Amino acid sequence: MIDFETARRLVSERLARMERDMHDFGAALPDHENEPRLHLVVVKTTEYDFGWVFAYDSKEYLETNDIGFAVAGNAPFIVDKNDGGLYITGTAGPVEDYVKQYRRGVRNRA
């Protein structure tokens, strides 16, 4: 069993890896060095009986409200408090639909 702080650390570590991957992927693009580096941060956490759902976006978008800094495809993560697993949801529907699926056993490890 894990606590909230451990869950938040797991998500923060994943976001840091995703930041590096986004930056490394963009390195092949022209003018990459002139593009701002985005910093991913948790923007909302919702607690459930099974764990937490963490939504995230870029720090730059939150600070400027400039859509150019918004992250696309940022499906929230579920962290299960019993197994400590990090699971991905989706972006095609409301988060509650993914929570219902998770409760039914549809679980995709992140």
Protein backbone atom coordinates (compact mmCIF):
# COMPACT_ATOMS: atom_id res chain seq x y z
CA MET A 1 0.00 0.00 0.00
CA ILE A 2 1.32 3.47 -0.86
CA ASP A 3 0.42 6.92 0.41
CA PHE A 4 -0.42 10.10 -1.53
CA GLU A 5 3.12 11.51 -1.36
CA THR A 6 4.55 8.33 -2.87
CA ALA A 7 1.91 8.38 -5.61
CA ARG A 8 2.68 12.02 -6.40
CA ARG A 9 6.42 11.24 -6.56
CA LEU A 10 5.76 8.36 -9.01
CA VAL A 11 3.78 10.69 -11.28
CA SER A 12 6.39 13.47 -11.00
CA GLU A 13 9.15 11.02 -11.99
CA ARG A 14 7.11 9.87 -15.00
CA LEU A 15 6.47 13.47 -16.05
CA ALA A 16 10.20 14.24 -15.82
CA ARG A 17 10.94 11.29 -18.15
CA MET A 18 8.23 12.47 -20.54
CA GLU A 19 9.77 15.97 -20.57
CA ARG A 20 13.14 14.51 -21.53
CA ASP A 21 11.55 12.32 -24.21
CA MET A 22 9.66 15.29 -25.72
CA HIS A 23 12.82 17.36 -25.78
CA ASP A 24 14.93 14.56 -27.24
CA PHE A 25 12.33 13.79 -29.91
CA GLY A 26 12.22 17.43 -30.97
CA ALA A 27 16.00 17.56 -31.27
CA ALA A 28 15.73 16.25 -34.83
CA LEU A 29 13.50 19.12 -35.91
CA PRO A 30 14.78 22.33 -37.52
CA ASP A 31 15.27 25.21 -35.08
CA HIS A 32 14.82 22.85 -32.14
CA GLU A 33 17.26 24.85 -30.04
CA ASN A 34 14.95 27.89 -30.34
CA GLU A 35 11.86 26.05 -29.11
CA PRO A 36 10.94 26.48 -25.43
CA ARG A 37 11.39 23.44 -23.24
CA LEU A 38 8.11 22.56 -21.57
CA HIS A 39 7.93 21.52 -17.93
CA LEU A 40 5.14 19.09 -17.08
CA VAL A 41 3.32 19.56 -13.78
CA VAL A 42 0.34 18.05 -12.00
CA VAL A 43 -2.65 20.39 -12.28
CA LYS A 44 -5.33 18.38 -10.51
CA THR A 45 -5.53 15.34 -8.28
CA THR A 46 -8.72 13.48 -7.47
CA GLU A 47 -8.81 10.82 -4.77
CA TYR A 48 -10.82 7.62 -5.08
CA ASP A 49 -11.12 4.55 -2.88
CA PHE A 50 -8.59 2.70 -5.11
CA GLY A 51 -6.07 5.55 -5.38
CA TRP A 52 -5.69 8.85 -7.22
CA VAL A 53 -6.12 10.34 -10.67
CA PHE A 54 -3.46 12.90 -11.62
CA ALA A 55 -4.07 15.34 -14.49
CA TYR A 56 -1.16 17.33 -15.89
CA ASP A 57 -0.20 20.03 -18.36
CA SER A 58 2.77 22.27 -18.97
CA LYS A 59 3.82 24.80 -16.36
CA GLU A 60 4.22 27.34 -19.16
CA TYR A 61 0.60 26.95 -20.24
CA LEU A 62 -0.64 27.37 -16.68
CA GLU A 63 1.43 30.52 -16.24
CA THR A 64 0.59 32.19 -19.57
CA ASN A 65 -2.68 30.62 -20.72
CA ASP A 66 -1.05 30.57 -24.18
CA ILE A 67 -2.50 27.57 -26.04
CA GLY A 68 0.84 27.21 -27.82
CA PHE A 69 2.23 25.82 -24.57
CA ALA A 70 -0.65 23.41 -23.90
CA VAL A 71 0.12 19.70 -24.04
CA ALA A 72 -2.01 17.60 -26.41
CA GLY A 73 -2.83 13.99 -25.60
CA ASN A 74 -2.09 14.37 -21.92
CA ALA A 75 -4.19 11.50 -20.61
CA PRO A 76 -4.37 11.53 -16.81
CA PHE A 77 -2.61 8.86 -14.76
CA ILE A 78 -4.19 6.60 -12.20
CA VAL A 79 -2.01 5.51 -9.30
CA ASP A 80 -3.36 2.48 -7.46
CA LYS A 81 -2.77 2.76 -3.72
CA ASN A 82 -2.80 -1.03 -3.28
CA ASP A 83 -0.23 -2.12 -5.87
CA GLY A 84 1.58 1.20 -6.42
CA GLY A 85 1.02 0.81 -10.16
CA LEU A 86 0.86 3.73 -12.55
CA TYR A 87 -1.88 3.38 -15.16
CA ILE A 88 -2.76 5.50 -18.18
CA THR A 89 -6.32 6.60 -18.91
CA GLY A 90 -7.22 8.24 -22.22
CA THR A 91 -8.40 11.45 -23.84
CA ALA A 92 -11.37 10.30 -25.94
CA GLY A 93 -13.90 10.66 -23.12
CA PRO A 94 -14.42 12.06 -19.65
CA VAL A 95 -12.05 10.92 -16.91
CA GLU A 96 -14.99 9.33 -15.08
CA ASP A 97 -15.42 6.89 -18.00
CA TYR A 98 -11.84 5.72 -17.51
CA VAL A 99 -12.38 5.45 -13.75
CA LYS A 100 -15.39 3.19 -14.42
CA GLN A 101 -13.30 1.06 -16.77
CA TYR A 102 -10.54 0.86 -14.19
CA ARG A 103 -13.03 -0.32 -11.57
CA ARG A 104 -14.16 -3.03 -14.02
CA GLY A 105 -10.59 -4.23 -14.38
CA VAL A 106 -9.56 -2.50 -17.63
CA ARG A 107 -6.07 -1.37 -16.68
CA ASN A 108 -3.29 -0.18 -18.94
CA ARG A 109 0.09 0.18 -17.26
CA ALA A 110 1.79 3.43 -18.05
